[in-house]
Amino acid sequence: MKKTYSNFFSIGLDDTLAIEVEYAITGGVPVTFVVRLMTQITGKTHCISRFDSAHLKESPHRDILGLKSGLRGKVFYPELDYRCAVQYAILDFKAHGQSYLQDFLLH
């Protein structure tokens, strides 16, 4: 039987944004993951956007969230396996985090 390992880490981007990464690996292969872009607004923590594998029968995807509207949509990445999706999510949030924050605040 293959062992499953779980891991969590956080990457601070600036004073307003952080990336939280959680994943589980079985036999060297990521089996579940979530990568969240987080912010604090008036002392409350909010998830701005997240990449995840919550629907294991579907491709990795990014949830687009709004402050007032909640879940606004999903963008699927069928070309990415879970390992690549985690790496892509981190790079995407580093590159576009501030624009995702502005979009989140508008909705």
N, C-alpha and C. Protein backbone atom coordinates (compact mmCIF):
# COMPACT_ATOMS: atom_id res chain seq x y z
N MET A 1 0.84 -1.18 0.00
CA MET A 1 0.00 0.00 0.00
C MET A 1 0.88 1.24 0.00
N LYS A 2 0.59 2.19 -0.89
CA LYS A 2 1.37 3.42 -0.97
C LYS A 2 0.93 4.39 0.11
N LYS A 3 1.92 5.06 0.71
CA LYS A 3 1.63 6.05 1.74
C LYS A 3 1.24 7.38 1.12
N THR A 4 0.36 8.11 1.81
CA THR A 4 -0.03 9.45 1.39
C THR A 4 0.59 10.45 2.35
N TYR A 5 1.20 11.47 1.78
CA TYR A 5 1.81 12.55 2.56
C TYR A 5 1.07 13.84 2.25
N SER A 6 0.83 14.63 3.28
CA SER A 6 0.18 15.94 3.10
C SER A 6 1.16 17.04 3.46
N ASN A 7 0.99 18.17 2.82
CA ASN A 7 1.88 19.30 3.08
C ASN A 7 1.09 20.59 2.96
N PHE A 8 1.52 21.61 3.70
CA PHE A 8 0.95 22.95 3.65
C PHE A 8 2.09 23.94 3.77
N PHE A 9 2.05 24.99 2.94
CA PHE A 9 2.98 26.10 3.13
C PHE A 9 2.35 27.37 2.59
N SER A 10 2.91 28.49 3.02
CA SER A 10 2.40 29.80 2.65
C SER A 10 3.53 30.63 2.06
N ILE A 11 3.18 31.44 1.06
CA ILE A 11 4.14 32.33 0.41
C ILE A 11 3.60 33.75 0.53
N GLY A 12 4.28 34.61 1.26
CA GLY A 12 3.87 36.01 1.34
C GLY A 12 4.31 36.75 0.09
N LEU A 13 3.37 37.44 -0.55
CA LEU A 13 3.71 38.19 -1.76
C LEU A 13 4.02 39.64 -1.47
N ASP A 14 3.23 40.26 -0.62
CA ASP A 14 3.43 41.65 -0.20
C ASP A 14 2.61 41.88 1.05
N ASP A 15 2.36 43.14 1.40
CA ASP A 15 1.59 43.43 2.61
C ASP A 15 0.12 43.04 2.50
N THR A 16 -0.37 42.83 1.28
CA THR A 16 -1.80 42.56 1.10
C THR A 16 -2.13 41.15 0.66
N LEU A 17 -1.17 40.41 0.11
CA LEU A 17 -1.47 39.11 -0.50
C LEU A 17 -0.55 38.00 -0.01
N ALA A 18 -1.13 36.80 0.08
CA ALA A 18 -0.36 35.60 0.39
C ALA A 18 -0.94 34.43 -0.40
N ILE A 19 -0.10 33.48 -0.69
CA ILE A 19 -0.52 32.25 -1.36
C ILE A 19 -0.45 31.12 -0.34
N GLU A 20 -1.52 30.35 -0.21
CA GLU A 20 -1.53 29.17 0.65
C GLU A 20 -1.60 27.94 -0.24
N VAL A 21 -0.73 26.98 0.00
CA VAL A 21 -0.66 25.77 -0.82
C VAL A 21 -0.86 24.55 0.08
N GLU A 22 -1.82 23.70 -0.28
CA GLU A 22 -2.06 22.43 0.40
C GLU A 22 -2.12 21.34 -0.66
N TYR A 23 -1.46 20.22 -0.37
CA TYR A 23 -1.54 19.11 -1.31
C TYR A 23 -1.28 17.79 -0.60
N ALA A 24 -1.73 16.72 -1.24
CA ALA A 24 -1.46 15.36 -0.77
C ALA A 24 -0.80 14.61 -1.91
N ILE A 25 0.19 13.78 -1.55
CA ILE A 25 0.94 13.01 -2.54
C ILE A 25 0.87 11.53 -2.15
N THR A 26 0.54 10.69 -3.12
CA THR A 26 0.56 9.24 -2.93
C THR A 26 1.48 8.64 -3.98
N GLY A 27 2.48 7.92 -3.54
CA GLY A 27 3.42 7.30 -4.47
C GLY A 27 4.13 8.31 -5.35
N GLY A 28 4.40 9.50 -4.80
CA GLY A 28 5.11 10.53 -5.56
C GLY A 28 4.24 11.33 -6.51
N VAL A 29 2.94 11.05 -6.53
CA VAL A 29 2.04 11.73 -7.46
C VAL A 29 1.02 12.56 -6.66
N PRO A 30 0.88 13.87 -6.97
CA PRO A 30 -0.14 14.67 -6.29
C PRO A 30 -1.54 14.10 -6.58
N VAL A 31 -2.33 13.91 -5.53
CA VAL A 31 -3.67 13.36 -5.71
C VAL A 31 -4.76 14.39 -5.41
N THR A 32 -4.49 15.32 -4.56
CA THR A 32 -5.41 16.44 -4.31
C THR A 32 -4.57 17.68 -4.03
N PHE A 33 -5.15 18.84 -4.33
CA PHE A 33 -4.45 20.08 -4.03
C PHE A 33 -5.43 21.24 -3.99
N VAL A 34 -5.02 22.29 -3.31
CA VAL A 34 -5.68 23.59 -3.39
C VAL A 34 -4.60 24.64 -3.21
N VAL A 35 -4.63 25.66 -4.07
CA VAL A 35 -3.72 26.80 -3.98
C VAL A 35 -4.62 28.03 -3.90
N ARG A 36 -4.55 28.76 -2.78
CA ARG A 36 -5.43 29.90 -2.55
C ARG A 36 -4.65 31.21 -2.57
N LEU A 37 -5.25 32.23 -3.15
CA LEU A 37 -4.73 33.59 -3.06
C LEU A 37 -5.53 34.28 -1.97
N MET A 38 -4.85 34.73 -0.92
CA MET A 38 -5.52 35.24 0.28
C MET A 38 -5.19 36.70 0.53
N THR A 39 -6.15 37.39 1.19
CA THR A 39 -5.94 38.77 1.61
C THR A 39 -6.67 39.01 2.92
N GLN A 40 -6.34 40.11 3.57
CA GLN A 40 -7.03 40.56 4.78
C GLN A 40 -7.78 41.85 4.43
N ILE A 41 -9.05 41.91 4.79
CA ILE A 41 -9.84 43.12 4.60
C ILE A 41 -10.52 43.41 5.92
N THR A 42 -10.23 44.56 6.49
CA THR A 42 -10.73 44.98 7.81
C THR A 42 -10.64 43.85 8.84
N GLY A 43 -9.47 43.23 8.90
CA GLY A 43 -9.20 42.21 9.90
C GLY A 43 -9.77 40.83 9.61
N LYS A 44 -10.44 40.66 8.48
CA LYS A 44 -11.01 39.36 8.12
C LYS A 44 -10.26 38.78 6.93
N THR A 45 -9.95 37.48 6.99
CA THR A 45 -9.24 36.80 5.92
C THR A 45 -10.21 36.38 4.82
N HIS A 46 -9.82 36.66 3.58
CA HIS A 46 -10.65 36.32 2.41
C HIS A 46 -9.83 35.56 1.38
N CYS A 47 -10.45 34.57 0.76
CA CYS A 47 -9.86 33.88 -0.38
C CYS A 47 -10.31 34.63 -1.63
N ILE A 48 -9.35 35.13 -2.41
CA ILE A 48 -9.62 35.91 -3.61
C ILE A 48 -9.89 35.00 -4.80
N SER A 49 -9.10 33.95 -4.91
CA SER A 49 -9.20 32.99 -6.00
C SER A 49 -8.51 31.72 -5.56
N ARG A 50 -8.87 30.59 -6.18
CA ARG A 50 -8.20 29.34 -5.82
C ARG A 50 -8.16 28.39 -7.00
N PHE A 51 -7.06 27.69 -7.10
CA PHE A 51 -6.91 26.57 -8.02
C PHE A 51 -7.11 25.33 -7.18
N ASP A 52 -7.84 24.32 -7.71
CA ASP A 52 -7.99 23.11 -6.92
C ASP A 52 -8.34 21.90 -7.76
N SER A 53 -8.36 20.77 -7.04
CA SER A 53 -8.71 19.48 -7.61
C SER A 53 -9.95 18.93 -6.92
N ALA A 54 -10.80 19.80 -6.43
CA ALA A 54 -11.95 19.38 -5.63
C ALA A 54 -12.85 18.39 -6.37
N HIS A 55 -12.91 18.50 -7.65
CA HIS A 55 -13.76 17.62 -8.46
C HIS A 55 -12.83 16.65 -9.18
N LEU A 56 -12.46 15.58 -8.51
CA LEU A 56 -11.40 14.70 -8.98
C LEU A 56 -11.67 14.10 -10.36
N LYS A 57 -12.90 14.12 -10.82
CA LYS A 57 -13.21 13.59 -12.15
C LYS A 57 -13.05 14.67 -13.22
N GLU A 58 -12.78 15.90 -12.80
CA GLU A 58 -12.61 17.01 -13.72
C GLU A 58 -11.16 17.47 -13.73
N SER A 59 -10.86 18.32 -14.69
CA SER A 59 -9.52 18.91 -14.80
C SER A 59 -9.28 19.88 -13.65
N PRO A 60 -8.01 20.17 -13.36
CA PRO A 60 -7.73 21.24 -12.41
C PRO A 60 -8.40 22.52 -12.89
N HIS A 61 -8.80 23.36 -11.94
CA HIS A 61 -9.48 24.59 -12.33
C HIS A 61 -9.19 25.71 -11.34
N ARG A 62 -9.49 26.94 -11.79
CA ARG A 62 -9.38 28.12 -10.92
C ARG A 62 -10.78 28.65 -10.68
N ASP A 63 -11.13 28.83 -9.41
CA ASP A 63 -12.39 29.46 -9.04
C ASP A 63 -12.18 30.96 -8.99
N ILE A 64 -13.09 31.69 -9.63
CA ILE A 64 -13.06 33.15 -9.64
C ILE A 64 -14.09 33.62 -8.62
N LEU A 65 -13.64 34.36 -7.61
CA LEU A 65 -14.49 34.76 -6.50
C LEU A 65 -14.67 36.27 -6.45
N GLY A 66 -15.77 36.70 -5.85
CA GLY A 66 -16.03 38.12 -5.62
C GLY A 66 -16.32 38.36 -4.15
N LEU A 67 -15.97 39.52 -3.66
CA LEU A 67 -16.18 39.86 -2.25
C LEU A 67 -17.66 39.77 -1.89
N LYS A 68 -18.53 40.31 -2.74
CA LYS A 68 -19.97 40.30 -2.47
C LYS A 68 -20.67 39.12 -3.12
N SER A 69 -20.20 38.70 -4.28
CA SER A 69 -20.93 37.71 -5.07
C SER A 69 -20.49 36.26 -4.84
N GLY A 70 -19.38 36.03 -4.17
CA GLY A 70 -18.92 34.66 -3.96
C GLY A 70 -18.37 34.05 -5.24
N LEU A 71 -18.68 32.79 -5.49
CA LEU A 71 -18.18 32.09 -6.67
C LEU A 71 -18.81 32.68 -7.93
N ARG A 72 -17.97 33.21 -8.82
CA ARG A 72 -18.46 33.85 -10.05
C ARG A 72 -18.22 33.00 -11.28
N GLY A 73 -17.30 32.06 -11.21
CA GLY A 73 -17.02 31.23 -12.37
C GLY A 73 -15.82 30.34 -12.14
N LYS A 74 -15.56 29.49 -13.15
CA LYS A 74 -14.43 28.56 -13.10
C LYS A 74 -13.72 28.60 -14.44
N VAL A 75 -12.40 28.47 -14.38
CA VAL A 75 -11.58 28.33 -15.58
C VAL A 75 -10.89 26.98 -15.46
N PHE A 76 -11.13 26.09 -16.44
CA PHE A 76 -10.56 24.75 -16.41
C PHE A 76 -9.25 24.70 -17.20
N TYR A 77 -8.34 23.85 -16.73
CA TYR A 77 -7.03 23.66 -17.35
C TYR A 77 -6.83 22.18 -17.66
N PRO A 78 -7.50 21.67 -18.70
CA PRO A 78 -7.43 20.24 -19.00
C PRO A 78 -6.04 19.77 -19.43
N GLU A 79 -5.19 20.69 -19.86
CA GLU A 79 -3.85 20.32 -20.32
C GLU A 79 -2.87 20.12 -19.16
N LEU A 80 -3.27 20.46 -17.93
CA LEU A 80 -2.37 20.38 -16.78
C LEU A 80 -2.68 19.16 -15.92
N ASP A 81 -1.64 18.41 -15.54
CA ASP A 81 -1.83 17.40 -14.51
C ASP A 81 -1.75 18.13 -13.16
N TYR A 82 -2.01 17.42 -12.07
CA TYR A 82 -2.07 18.10 -10.77
C TYR A 82 -0.74 18.70 -10.36
N ARG A 83 0.37 18.03 -10.65
CA ARG A 83 1.69 18.56 -10.28
C ARG A 83 1.94 19.89 -11.01
N CYS A 84 1.69 19.91 -12.31
CA CYS A 84 1.88 21.13 -13.09
C CYS A 84 0.89 22.21 -12.68
N ALA A 85 -0.32 21.81 -12.31
CA ALA A 85 -1.34 22.78 -11.91
C ALA A 85 -0.93 23.53 -10.65
N VAL A 86 -0.31 22.84 -9.70
CA VAL A 86 0.15 23.51 -8.47
C VAL A 86 1.22 24.54 -8.82
N GLN A 87 2.18 24.15 -9.63
CA GLN A 87 3.25 25.07 -10.03
C GLN A 87 2.68 26.24 -10.83
N TYR A 88 1.76 25.95 -11.75
CA TYR A 88 1.14 27.00 -12.56
C TYR A 88 0.37 27.98 -11.67
N ALA A 89 -0.38 27.46 -10.71
CA ALA A 89 -1.17 28.30 -9.81
C ALA A 89 -0.28 29.28 -9.05
N ILE A 90 0.82 28.81 -8.52
CA ILE A 90 1.73 29.67 -7.77
C ILE A 90 2.28 30.77 -8.67
N LEU A 91 2.73 30.41 -9.86
CA LEU A 91 3.26 31.40 -10.80
C LEU A 91 2.18 32.39 -11.25
N ASP A 92 0.98 31.89 -11.49
CA ASP A 92 -0.13 32.75 -11.92
C ASP A 92 -0.48 33.76 -10.83
N PHE A 93 -0.58 33.31 -9.58
CA PHE A 93 -0.91 34.21 -8.49
C PHE A 93 0.21 35.23 -8.25
N LYS A 94 1.45 34.83 -8.42
CA LYS A 94 2.55 35.78 -8.28
C LYS A 94 2.48 36.85 -9.36
N ALA A 95 2.15 36.45 -10.58
CA ALA A 95 2.12 37.38 -11.72
C ALA A 95 0.86 38.25 -11.74
N HIS A 96 -0.28 37.71 -11.31
CA HIS A 96 -1.56 38.40 -11.50
C HIS A 96 -2.31 38.68 -10.20
N GLY A 97 -1.68 38.46 -9.06
CA GLY A 97 -2.35 38.60 -7.78
C GLY A 97 -3.02 39.94 -7.56
N GLN A 98 -2.33 41.02 -7.87
CA GLN A 98 -2.92 42.34 -7.65
C GLN A 98 -4.14 42.58 -8.54
N SER A 99 -4.10 42.12 -9.78
CA SER A 99 -5.27 42.30 -10.65
C SER A 99 -6.43 41.41 -10.18
N TYR A 100 -6.13 40.21 -9.68
CA TYR A 100 -7.18 39.36 -9.13
C TYR A 100 -7.80 40.01 -7.89
N LEU A 101 -6.98 40.67 -7.07
CA LEU A 101 -7.49 41.37 -5.90
C LEU A 101 -8.44 42.48 -6.32
N GLN A 102 -8.07 43.29 -7.29
CA GLN A 102 -8.93 44.38 -7.75
C GLN A 102 -10.24 43.85 -8.29
N ASP A 103 -10.21 42.77 -9.05
CA ASP A 103 -11.42 42.15 -9.58
C ASP A 103 -12.30 41.63 -8.45
N PHE A 104 -11.69 40.99 -7.47
CA PHE A 104 -12.41 40.48 -6.30
C PHE A 104 -13.14 41.59 -5.58
N LEU A 105 -12.46 42.73 -5.39
CA LEU A 105 -13.06 43.85 -4.67
C LEU A 105 -14.23 44.47 -5.42
N LEU A 106 -14.20 44.42 -6.76
CA LEU A 106 -15.27 45.00 -7.58
C LEU A 106 -16.54 44.16 -7.59
N HIS A 107 -16.42 42.91 -7.24
CA HIS A 107 -17.58 42.01 -7.35
C HIS A 107 -17.96 41.46 -6.01
